[in-house]
């Protein structure tokens, strides 16, 4: 099996990002917000934080919610009613 290498030039990134966005893709990357660098949705190369080392929160928090409601319950006398 031969591995083929391709070089993507920095000047081509905005065109790539535009094509991905036009196909309904969500672009996530390190974006500077004040003193913090967070993974957030972005539109073009100029939105990305240059030379970032570490973001304030992990990329995981952008994709997955911090908390998720699994069910709700109410007490009715001594009975418990569980809702999805």
PDB file of N, CA and C in Angstrom:
ATOM      1  N   UNK A   1       0.844  -1.175   0.000  1.00  0.00           N
ATOM      2  CA  UNK A   1       0.000   0.000   0.000  1.00  0.00           C
ATOM      3  C   UNK A   1       0.893   1.243   0.000  1.00  0.00           C
ATOM      4  N   UNK A   2       0.649   2.138  -0.923  1.00  0.00           N
ATOM      5  CA  UNK A   2       1.424   3.364  -1.034  1.00  0.00           C
ATOM      6  C   UNK A   2       0.635   4.517  -0.422  1.00  0.00           C
ATOM      7  N   UNK A   3       1.283   5.275   0.412  1.00  0.00           N
ATOM      8  CA  UNK A   3       0.645   6.440   1.023  1.00  0.00           C
ATOM      9  C   UNK A   3       0.971   7.656   0.171  1.00  0.00           C
ATOM     10  N   UNK A   4      -0.079   8.317  -0.287  1.00  0.00           N
ATOM     11  CA  UNK A   4       0.103   9.500  -1.111  1.00  0.00           C
ATOM     12  C   UNK A   4      -0.005  10.741  -0.228  1.00  0.00           C
ATOM     13  N   UNK A   5       0.947  11.631  -0.351  1.00  0.00           N
ATOM     14  CA  UNK A   5       0.951  12.854   0.445  1.00  0.00           C
ATOM     15  C   UNK A   5       0.528  14.023  -0.420  1.00  0.00           C
ATOM     16  N   UNK A   6      -0.282  14.898   0.153  1.00  0.00           N
ATOM     17  CA  UNK A   6      -0.725  16.113  -0.534  1.00  0.00           C
ATOM     18  C   UNK A   6      -0.416  17.297   0.372  1.00  0.00           C
ATOM     19  N   UNK A   7      -0.109  18.417  -0.231  1.00  0.00           N
ATOM     20  CA  UNK A   7       0.183  19.630   0.516  1.00  0.00           C
ATOM     21  C   UNK A   7      -0.977  20.605   0.332  1.00  0.00           C
ATOM     22  N   UNK A   8      -1.517  21.087   1.423  1.00  0.00           N
ATOM     23  CA  UNK A   8      -2.594  22.066   1.391  1.00  0.00           C
ATOM     24  C   UNK A   8      -1.996  23.412   1.778  1.00  0.00           C
ATOM     25  N   UNK A   9      -2.024  24.345   0.859  1.00  0.00           N
ATOM     26  CA  UNK A   9      -1.433  25.653   1.120  1.00  0.00           C
ATOM     27  C   UNK A   9      -2.393  26.512   1.931  1.00  0.00           C
ATOM     28  N   UNK A  10      -1.826  27.360   2.779  1.00  0.00           N
ATOM     29  CA  UNK A  10      -2.608  28.239   3.639  1.00  0.00           C
ATOM     30  C   UNK A  10      -3.559  29.112   2.822  1.00  0.00           C
ATOM     31  N   UNK A  11      -3.124  29.531   1.628  1.00  0.00           N
ATOM     32  CA  UNK A  11      -3.951  30.390   0.771  1.00  0.00           C
ATOM     33  C   UNK A  11      -5.207  29.653   0.287  1.00  0.00           C
ATOM     34  N   UNK A  12      -5.203  28.327   0.323  1.00  0.00           N
ATOM     35  CA  UNK A  12      -6.333  27.523  -0.161  1.00  0.00           C
ATOM     36  C   UNK A  12      -7.361  27.238   0.934  1.00  0.00           C
ATOM     37  N   UNK A  13      -7.023  27.542   2.174  1.00  0.00           N
ATOM     38  CA  UNK A  13      -7.903  27.173   3.287  1.00  0.00           C
ATOM     39  C   UNK A  13      -9.259  27.864   3.232  1.00  0.00           C
ATOM     40  N   UNK A  14      -9.297  29.175   2.914  1.00  0.00           N
ATOM     41  CA  UNK A  14     -10.586  29.867   2.871  1.00  0.00           C
ATOM     42  C   UNK A  14     -11.505  29.259   1.815  1.00  0.00           C
ATOM     43  N   UNK A  15     -10.958  28.877   0.667  1.00  0.00           N
ATOM     44  CA  UNK A  15     -11.762  28.233  -0.370  1.00  0.00           C
ATOM     45  C   UNK A  15     -12.288  26.884   0.126  1.00  0.00           C
ATOM     46  N   UNK A  16     -11.436  26.123   0.816  1.00  0.00           N
ATOM     47  CA  UNK A  16     -11.849  24.844   1.380  1.00  0.00           C
ATOM     48  C   UNK A  16     -12.942  25.047   2.425  1.00  0.00           C
ATOM     49  N   UNK A  17     -12.736  26.007   3.335  1.00  0.00           N
ATOM     50  CA  UNK A  17     -13.741  26.282   4.366  1.00  0.00           C
ATOM     51  C   UNK A  17     -15.068  26.696   3.735  1.00  0.00           C
ATOM     52  N   UNK A  18     -15.011  27.537   2.702  1.00  0.00           N
ATOM     53  CA  UNK A  18     -16.222  27.983   2.014  1.00  0.00           C
ATOM     54  C   UNK A  18     -16.965  26.825   1.379  1.00  0.00           C
ATOM     55  N   UNK A  19     -16.240  25.918   0.769  1.00  0.00           N
ATOM     56  CA  UNK A  19     -16.856  24.749   0.134  1.00  0.00           C
ATOM     57  C   UNK A  19     -17.506  23.844   1.187  1.00  0.00           C
ATOM     58  N   UNK A  20     -16.813  23.630   2.292  1.00  0.00           N
ATOM     59  CA  UNK A  20     -17.373  22.806   3.365  1.00  0.00           C
ATOM     60  C   UNK A  20     -18.641  23.437   3.938  1.00  0.00           C
ATOM     61  N   UNK A  21     -18.609  24.769   4.176  1.00  0.00           N
ATOM     62  CA  UNK A  21     -19.788  25.475   4.709  1.00  0.00           C
ATOM     63  C   UNK A  21     -20.952  25.395   3.724  1.00  0.00           C
ATOM     64  N   UNK A  22     -20.681  25.524   2.418  1.00  0.00           N
ATOM     65  CA  UNK A  22     -21.754  25.495   1.417  1.00  0.00           C
ATOM     66  C   UNK A  22     -22.390  24.108   1.317  1.00  0.00           C
ATOM     67  N   UNK A  23     -21.670  23.079   1.758  1.00  0.00           N
ATOM     68  CA  UNK A  23     -22.221  21.723   1.787  1.00  0.00           C
ATOM     69  C   UNK A  23     -22.881  21.405   3.123  1.00  0.00           C
ATOM     70  N   UNK A  24     -23.115  22.438   3.936  1.00  0.00           N
ATOM     71  CA  UNK A  24     -23.808  22.242   5.202  1.00  0.00           C
ATOM     72  C   UNK A  24     -22.941  21.762   6.338  1.00  0.00           C
ATOM     73  N   UNK A  25     -21.652  21.801   6.180  1.00  0.00           N
ATOM     74  CA  UNK A  25     -20.735  21.369   7.248  1.00  0.00           C
ATOM     75  C   UNK A  25     -20.598  22.457   8.301  1.00  0.00           C
ATOM     76  N   UNK A  26     -20.344  22.045   9.516  1.00  0.00           N
ATOM     77  CA  UNK A  26     -20.102  22.962  10.627  1.00  0.00           C
ATOM     78  C   UNK A  26     -18.600  22.980  10.882  1.00  0.00           C
ATOM     79  N   UNK A  27     -18.005  24.163  10.822  1.00  0.00           N
ATOM     80  CA  UNK A  27     -16.558  24.286  11.026  1.00  0.00           C
ATOM     81  C   UNK A  27     -16.276  24.704  12.458  1.00  0.00           C
ATOM     82  N   UNK A  28     -15.452  23.939  13.148  1.00  0.00           N
ATOM     83  CA  UNK A  28     -15.077  24.231  14.526  1.00  0.00           C
ATOM     84  C   UNK A  28     -13.573  24.401  14.612  1.00  0.00           C
ATOM     85  N   UNK A  29     -13.140  25.385  15.409  1.00  0.00           N
ATOM     86  CA  UNK A  29     -11.719  25.609  15.569  1.00  0.00           C
ATOM     87  C   UNK A  29     -11.446  26.544  16.724  1.00  0.00           C
ATOM     88  N   UNK A  30     -10.174  26.788  17.025  1.00  0.00           N
ATOM     89  CA  UNK A  30      -9.812  27.680  18.129  1.00  0.00           C
ATOM     90  C   UNK A  30     -10.063  29.144  17.752  1.00  0.00           C
ATOM     91  N   UNK A  31     -10.944  29.799  18.506  1.00  0.00           N
ATOM     92  CA  UNK A  31     -11.318  31.196  18.254  1.00  0.00           C
ATOM     93  C   UNK A  31     -11.019  32.002  19.511  1.00  0.00           C
ATOM     94  N   UNK A  32     -10.396  33.161  19.350  1.00  0.00           N
ATOM     95  CA  UNK A  32     -10.072  34.014  20.502  1.00  0.00           C
ATOM     96  C   UNK A  32     -11.283  34.861  20.880  1.00  0.00           C
ATOM     97  N   UNK A  33     -11.672  34.786  22.157  1.00  0.00           N
ATOM     98  CA  UNK A  33     -12.750  35.586  22.733  1.00  0.00           C
ATOM     99  C   UNK A  33     -12.177  36.300  23.946  1.00  0.00           C
ATOM    100  N   UNK A  34     -11.801  37.552  23.786  1.00  0.00           N
ATOM    101  CA  UNK A  34     -11.148  38.283  24.872  1.00  0.00           C
ATOM    102  C   UNK A  34      -9.808  37.648  25.181  1.00  0.00           C
ATOM    103  N   UNK A  35      -9.623  37.247  26.447  1.00  0.00           N
ATOM    104  CA  UNK A  35      -8.369  36.612  26.866  1.00  0.00           C
ATOM    105  C   UNK A  35      -8.396  35.094  26.706  1.00  0.00           C
ATOM    106  N   UNK A  36      -9.559  34.542  26.339  1.00  0.00           N
ATOM    107  CA  UNK A  36      -9.704  33.092  26.244  1.00  0.00           C
ATOM    108  C   UNK A  36      -9.662  32.622  24.790  1.00  0.00           C
ATOM    109  N   UNK A  37      -9.229  31.417  24.615  1.00  0.00           N
ATOM    110  CA  UNK A  37      -9.300  30.760  23.311  1.00  0.00           C
ATOM    111  C   UNK A  37     -10.220  29.559  23.484  1.00  0.00           C
ATOM    112  N   UNK A  38     -11.308  29.548  22.714  1.00  0.00           N
ATOM    113  CA  UNK A  38     -12.335  28.514  22.828  1.00  0.00           C
ATOM    114  C   UNK A  38     -12.536  27.833  21.486  1.00  0.00           C
ATOM    115  N   UNK A  39     -12.949  26.574  21.505  1.00  0.00           N
ATOM    116  CA  UNK A  39     -13.360  25.914  20.277  1.00  0.00           C
ATOM    117  C   UNK A  39     -14.781  26.369  19.990  1.00  0.00           C
ATOM    118  N   UNK A  40     -14.973  27.003  18.840  1.00  0.00           N
ATOM    119  CA  UNK A  40     -16.285  27.491  18.441  1.00  0.00           C
ATOM    120  C   UNK A  40     -16.432  27.367  16.938  1.00  0.00           C
ATOM    121  N   UNK A  41     -17.642  27.578  16.478  1.00  0.00           N
ATOM    122  CA  UNK A  41     -17.898  27.581  15.047  1.00  0.00           C
ATOM    123  C   UNK A  41     -17.254  28.820  14.431  1.00  0.00           C
ATOM    124  N   UNK A  42     -16.670  28.678  13.250  1.00  0.00           N
ATOM    125  CA  UNK A  42     -16.048  29.807  12.574  1.00  0.00           C
ATOM    126  C   UNK A  42     -16.395  29.759  11.092  1.00  0.00           C
ATOM    127  N   UNK A  43     -16.146  30.861  10.386  1.00  0.00           N
ATOM    128  CA  UNK A  43     -16.492  30.958   8.973  1.00  0.00           C
ATOM    129  C   UNK A  43     -15.294  31.029   8.043  1.00  0.00           C
ATOM    130  N   UNK A  44     -14.200  31.646   8.480  1.00  0.00           N
ATOM    131  CA  UNK A  44     -13.042  31.792   7.602  1.00  0.00           C
ATOM    132  C   UNK A  44     -11.753  31.709   8.409  1.00  0.00           C
ATOM    133  N   UNK A  45     -10.658  31.662   7.692  1.00  0.00           N
ATOM    134  CA  UNK A  45      -9.339  31.547   8.313  1.00  0.00           C
ATOM    135  C   UNK A  45      -9.042  32.703   9.261  1.00  0.00           C
ATOM    136  N   UNK A  46      -9.519  33.903   8.940  1.00  0.00           N
ATOM    137  CA  UNK A  46      -9.241  35.078   9.785  1.00  0.00           C
ATOM    138  C   UNK A  46      -9.919  34.973  11.155  1.00  0.00           C
ATOM    139  N   UNK A  47     -10.927  34.105  11.292  1.00  0.00           N
ATOM    140  CA  UNK A  47     -11.611  33.923  12.578  1.00  0.00           C
ATOM    141  C   UNK A  47     -10.808  33.061  13.549  1.00  0.00           C
ATOM    142  N   UNK A  48      -9.872  32.273  13.032  1.00  0.00           N
ATOM    143  CA  UNK A  48      -9.121  31.348  13.882  1.00  0.00           C
ATOM    144  C   UNK A  48      -8.015  32.056  14.647  1.00  0.00           C
ATOM    145  N   UNK A  49      -7.760  31.566  15.862  1.00  0.00           N
ATOM    146  CA  UNK A  49      -6.694  32.120  16.700  1.00  0.00           C
ATOM    147  C   UNK A  49      -5.350  31.624  16.184  1.00  0.00           C
ATOM    148  N   UNK A  50      -4.461  32.527  15.785  1.00  0.00           N
ATOM    149  CA  UNK A  50      -3.158  32.098  15.277  1.00  0.00           C
ATOM    150  C   UNK A  50      -2.247  31.647  16.427  1.00  0.00           C
ATOM    151  N   UNK A  51      -1.498  30.621  16.190  1.00  0.00           N
ATOM    152  CA  UNK A  51      -0.479  30.148  17.140  1.00  0.00           C
ATOM    153  C   UNK A  51      -1.013  29.861  18.542  1.00  0.00           C
ATOM    154  N   UNK A  52      -2.213  29.301  18.615  1.00  0.00           N
ATOM    155  CA  UNK A  52      -2.737  28.971  19.940  1.00  0.00           C
ATOM    156  C   UNK A  52      -1.998  27.755  20.478  1.00  0.00           C
ATOM    157  N   UNK A  53      -1.882  27.660  21.793  1.00  0.00           N
ATOM    158  CA  UNK A  53      -1.223  26.526  22.416  1.00  0.00           C
ATOM    159  C   UNK A  53      -2.267  25.625  23.061  1.00  0.00           C
ATOM    160  N   UNK A  54      -3.138  26.213  23.843  1.00  0.00           N
ATOM    161  CA  UNK A  54      -4.147  25.439  24.555  1.00  0.00           C
ATOM    162  C   UNK A  54      -5.419  26.259  24.646  1.00  0.00           C
ATOM    163  N   UNK A  55      -6.552  25.620  24.430  1.00  0.00           N
ATOM    164  CA  UNK A  55      -7.827  26.317  24.579  1.00  0.00           C
ATOM    165  C   UNK A  55      -8.263  26.266  26.038  1.00  0.00           C
ATOM    166  N   UNK A  56      -9.178  27.170  26.397  1.00  0.00           N
ATOM    167  CA  UNK A  56      -9.674  27.224  27.768  1.00  0.00           C
ATOM    168  C   UNK A  56     -10.459  25.953  28.104  1.00  0.00           C
ATOM    169  N   UNK A  57     -11.322  25.525  27.186  1.00  0.00           N
ATOM    170  CA  UNK A  57     -12.090  24.288  27.351  1.00  0.00           C
ATOM    171  C   UNK A  57     -11.716  23.339  26.222  1.00  0.00           C
ATOM    172  N   UNK A  58     -11.937  22.065  26.414  1.00  0.00           N
ATOM    173  CA  UNK A  58     -11.593  21.096  25.369  1.00  0.00           C
ATOM    174  C   UNK A  58     -12.570  21.188  24.202  1.00  0.00           C
ATOM    175  N   UNK A  59     -12.180  20.641  23.076  1.00  0.00           N
ATOM    176  CA  UNK A  59     -13.049  20.598  21.901  1.00  0.00           C
ATOM    177  C   UNK A  59     -14.292  19.759  22.189  1.00  0.00           C
ATOM    178  N   UNK A  60     -14.177  18.835  23.092  1.00  0.00           N
ATOM    179  CA  UNK A  60     -15.290  17.966  23.455  1.00  0.00           C
ATOM    180  C   UNK A  60     -16.497  18.772  23.921  1.00  0.00           C
ATOM    181  N   UNK A  61     -16.273  19.859  24.650  1.00  0.00           N
ATOM    182  CA  UNK A  61     -17.386  20.660  25.165  1.00  0.00           C
ATOM    183  C   UNK A  61     -18.134  21.382  24.051  1.00  0.00           C
ATOM    184  N   UNK A  62     -17.524  21.529  22.881  1.00  0.00           N
ATOM    185  CA  UNK A  62     -18.186  22.158  21.747  1.00  0.00           C
ATOM    186  C   UNK A  62     -19.129  21.177  21.065  1.00  0.00           C
ATOM    187  N   UNK A  63     -18.756  19.923  21.054  1.00  0.00           N
ATOM    188  CA  UNK A  63     -19.524  18.914  20.346  1.00  0.00           C
ATOM    189  C   UNK A  63     -20.582  18.257  21.230  1.00  0.00           C
ATOM    190  N   UNK A  64     -20.243  18.040  22.484  1.00  0.00           N
ATOM    191  CA  UNK A  64     -21.156  17.377  23.412  1.00  0.00           C
ATOM    192  C   UNK A  64     -21.612  18.364  24.482  1.00  0.00           C
ATOM    193  N   UNK A  65     -22.893  18.301  24.883  1.00  0.00           N
ATOM    194  CA  UNK A  65     -23.359  19.202  25.940  1.00  0.00           C
ATOM    195  C   UNK A  65     -22.690  18.887  27.278  1.00  0.00           C
ATOM    196  N   UNK A  66     -22.514  19.937  28.088  1.00  0.00           N
ATOM    197  CA  UNK A  66     -21.900  19.738  29.414  1.00  0.00           C
ATOM    198  C   UNK A  66     -22.799  18.909  30.319  1.00  0.00           C
ATOM    199  N   UNK A  67     -24.095  19.116  30.193  1.00  0.00           N
ATOM    200  CA  UNK A  67     -25.030  18.316  30.969  1.00  0.00           C
ATOM    201  C   UNK A  67     -26.225  17.981  30.079  1.00  0.00           C
ATOM    202  N   UNK A  68     -26.856  16.888  30.385  1.00  0.00           N
ATOM    203  CA  UNK A  68     -27.964  16.418  29.577  1.00  0.00           C
ATOM    204  C   UNK A  68     -29.040  15.885  30.506  1.00  0.00           C
ATOM    205  N   UNK A  69     -30.257  16.317  30.271  1.00  0.00           N
ATOM    206  CA  UNK A  69     -31.374  15.846  31.067  1.00  0.00           C
ATOM    207  C   UNK A  69     -31.774  14.454  30.574  1.00  0.00           C
ATOM    208  N   UNK A  70     -31.691  13.458  31.431  1.00  0.00           N
ATOM    209  CA  UNK A  70     -32.038  12.090  31.047  1.00  0.00           C
ATOM    210  C   UNK A  70     -33.519  11.797  31.246  1.00  0.00           C
ATOM    211  N   UNK A  71     -34.073  12.355  32.315  1.00  0.00           N
ATOM    212  CA  UNK A  71     -35.494  12.178  32.570  1.00  0.00           C
ATOM    213  C   UNK A  71     -35.944  13.202  33.600  1.00  0.00           C
ATOM    214  N   UNK A  72     -37.261  13.344  33.729  1.00  0.00           N
ATOM    215  CA  UNK A  72     -37.842  14.209  34.755  1.00  0.00           C
ATOM    216  C   UNK A  72     -38.763  13.355  35.614  1.00  0.00           C
ATOM    217  N   UNK A  73     -38.895  13.760  36.834  1.00  0.00           N
ATOM    218  CA  UNK A  73     -39.803  13.018  37.697  1.00  0.00           C
ATOM    219  C   UNK A  73     -40.594  13.984  38.570  1.00  0.00           C
ATOM    220  N   UNK A  74     -41.760  13.528  38.974  1.00  0.00           N
ATOM    221  CA  UNK A  74     -42.589  14.291  39.907  1.00  0.00           C
ATOM    222  C   UNK A  74     -43.077  13.335  40.984  1.00  0.00           C
ATOM    223  N   UNK A  75     -43.217  13.873  42.148  1.00  0.00           N
ATOM    224  CA  UNK A  75     -43.752  13.088  43.257  1.00  0.00           C
ATOM    225  C   UNK A  75     -45.245  13.339  43.343  1.00  0.00           C
ATOM    226  N   UNK A  76     -46.014  12.267  43.361  1.00  0.00           N
ATOM    227  CA  UNK A  76     -47.462  12.357  43.528  1.00  0.00           C
ATOM    228  C   UNK A  76     -47.811  11.517  44.747  1.00  0.00           C
ATOM    229  N   UNK A  77     -47.836  12.182  45.899  1.00  0.00           N
ATOM    230  CA  UNK A  77     -48.030  11.458  47.143  1.00  0.00           C
ATOM    231  C   UNK A  77     -46.816  10.606  47.414  1.00  0.00           C
ATOM    232  N   UNK A  78     -47.026   9.278  47.528  1.00  0.00           N
ATOM    233  CA  UNK A  78     -45.892   8.369  47.720  1.00  0.00           C
ATOM    234  C   UNK A  78     -45.409   7.763  46.398  1.00  0.00           C
ATOM    235  N   UNK A  79     -46.078   8.131  45.310  1.00  0.00           N
ATOM    236  CA  UNK A  79     -45.715   7.593  43.998  1.00  0.00           C
ATOM    237  C   UNK A  79     -44.759   8.548  43.277  1.00  0.00           C
ATOM    238  N   UNK A  80     -43.946   7.978  42.451  1.00  0.00           N
ATOM    239  CA  UNK A  80     -43.024   8.756  41.623  1.00  0.00           C
ATOM    240  C   UNK A  80     -43.426   8.570  40.159  1.00  0.00           C
ATOM    241  N   UNK A  81     -43.651   9.684  39.477  1.00  0.00           N
ATOM    242  CA  UNK A  81     -43.994   9.635  38.061  1.00  0.00           C
ATOM    243  C   UNK A  81     -42.759  10.054  37.272  1.00  0.00           C
ATOM    244  N   UNK A  82     -42.289   9.152  36.391  1.00  0.00           N
ATOM    245  CA  UNK A  82     -41.081   9.416  35.593  1.00  0.00           C
ATOM    246  C   UNK A  82     -41.487   9.724  34.149  1.00  0.00           C
ATOM    247  N   UNK A  83     -40.924  10.809  33.637  1.00  0.00           N
ATOM    248  CA  UNK A  83     -41.172  11.219  32.251  1.00  0.00           C
ATOM    249  C   UNK A  83     -39.863  11.121  31.474  1.00  0.00           C
ATOM    250  N   UNK A  84     -39.954  10.715  30.208  1.00  0.00           N
ATOM    251  CA  UNK A  84     -38.768  10.673  29.347  1.00  0.00           C
ATOM    252  C   UNK A  84     -38.318  12.068  29.017  1.00  0.00           C
TER     253      UNK A  84
END
